[in-house]
């Protein structure tokens, strides 16, 4: 997988993790709110592009 140097990622369980580096292999990601109507803090958001490896 080709690492995208613009998207950092430490979630090694994701299908799109670059494996050799803490980066994502996708061209872009989708960030969504985490079950709330408005996001106020970091933990209120998540990477909606995640897929289990």
C-alpha atoms as a PDB file:
ATOM      1  CA  UNK A   1       0.000   0.000   0.000  1.00  0.00           C
ATOM      2  CA  UNK A   2       1.212   3.458  -0.851  1.00  0.00           C
ATOM      3  CA  UNK A   3       1.284   5.735   2.183  1.00  0.00           C
ATOM      4  CA  UNK A   4      -0.376   9.129   1.951  1.00  0.00           C
ATOM      5  CA  UNK A   5       2.022  11.490   3.722  1.00  0.00           C
ATOM      6  CA  UNK A   6      -0.816  13.971   4.287  1.00  0.00           C
ATOM      7  CA  UNK A   7      -2.882  11.619   6.499  1.00  0.00           C
ATOM      8  CA  UNK A   8      -1.342  10.335   9.717  1.00  0.00           C
ATOM      9  CA  UNK A   9      -2.836   7.223  11.323  1.00  0.00           C
ATOM     10  CA  UNK A  10      -1.900   5.079  14.332  1.00  0.00           C
ATOM     11  CA  UNK A  11      -4.824   2.635  14.017  1.00  0.00           C
ATOM     12  CA  UNK A  12      -3.035  -0.493  12.807  1.00  0.00           C
ATOM     13  CA  UNK A  13      -6.291  -2.491  12.866  1.00  0.00           C
ATOM     14  CA  UNK A  14      -7.599  -0.473   9.915  1.00  0.00           C
ATOM     15  CA  UNK A  15      -7.504  -1.984   6.429  1.00  0.00           C
ATOM     16  CA  UNK A  16      -6.089   1.285   5.051  1.00  0.00           C
ATOM     17  CA  UNK A  17      -3.188   1.676   7.516  1.00  0.00           C
ATOM     18  CA  UNK A  18       0.095   1.906   5.572  1.00  0.00           C
ATOM     19  CA  UNK A  19       1.656  -0.795   7.821  1.00  0.00           C
ATOM     20  CA  UNK A  20       5.290   0.289   7.446  1.00  0.00           C
ATOM     21  CA  UNK A  21       4.608   3.836   8.697  1.00  0.00           C
ATOM     22  CA  UNK A  22       2.000   5.561  10.899  1.00  0.00           C
ATOM     23  CA  UNK A  23       0.121   6.810   7.830  1.00  0.00           C
ATOM     24  CA  UNK A  24      -3.092   6.128   5.912  1.00  0.00           C
ATOM     25  CA  UNK A  25      -3.042   4.715   2.379  1.00  0.00           C
ATOM     26  CA  UNK A  26      -6.288   6.393   1.250  1.00  0.00           C
ATOM     27  CA  UNK A  27      -6.271   9.497  -0.961  1.00  0.00           C
ATOM     28  CA  UNK A  28      -8.752  11.119   1.437  1.00  0.00           C
ATOM     29  CA  UNK A  29     -10.788  10.223   4.509  1.00  0.00           C
ATOM     30  CA  UNK A  30     -14.271  11.020   5.752  1.00  0.00           C
ATOM     31  CA  UNK A  31     -14.469  12.482   9.274  1.00  0.00           C
ATOM     32  CA  UNK A  32     -17.856  12.244  11.014  1.00  0.00           C
ATOM     33  CA  UNK A  33     -19.409  13.173  14.326  1.00  0.00           C
ATOM     34  CA  UNK A  34     -19.411  10.340  16.828  1.00  0.00           C
ATOM     35  CA  UNK A  35     -23.107  10.008  17.625  1.00  0.00           C
ATOM     36  CA  UNK A  36     -23.680  13.634  18.663  1.00  0.00           C
ATOM     37  CA  UNK A  37     -25.509  16.368  16.803  1.00  0.00           C
ATOM     38  CA  UNK A  38     -22.561  18.751  17.273  1.00  0.00           C
ATOM     39  CA  UNK A  39     -18.898  18.099  17.938  1.00  0.00           C
ATOM     40  CA  UNK A  40     -17.346  20.024  20.805  1.00  0.00           C
ATOM     41  CA  UNK A  41     -14.127  18.072  21.387  1.00  0.00           C
ATOM     42  CA  UNK A  42     -11.783  15.678  19.590  1.00  0.00           C
ATOM     43  CA  UNK A  43     -13.476  12.569  21.032  1.00  0.00           C
ATOM     44  CA  UNK A  44     -16.771  13.707  19.467  1.00  0.00           C
ATOM     45  CA  UNK A  45     -15.390  12.868  15.998  1.00  0.00           C
ATOM     46  CA  UNK A  46     -14.142   9.723  14.261  1.00  0.00           C
ATOM     47  CA  UNK A  47     -12.646   8.529  10.995  1.00  0.00           C
ATOM     48  CA  UNK A  48     -15.671   7.220   9.093  1.00  0.00           C
ATOM     49  CA  UNK A  49     -13.353   5.702   6.460  1.00  0.00           C
ATOM     50  CA  UNK A  50     -12.209   3.018   8.942  1.00  0.00           C
ATOM     51  CA  UNK A  51     -12.602  -0.594   7.828  1.00  0.00           C
ATOM     52  CA  UNK A  52     -11.521  -3.522   9.980  1.00  0.00           C
ATOM     53  CA  UNK A  53      -8.565  -5.366   8.484  1.00  0.00           C
END
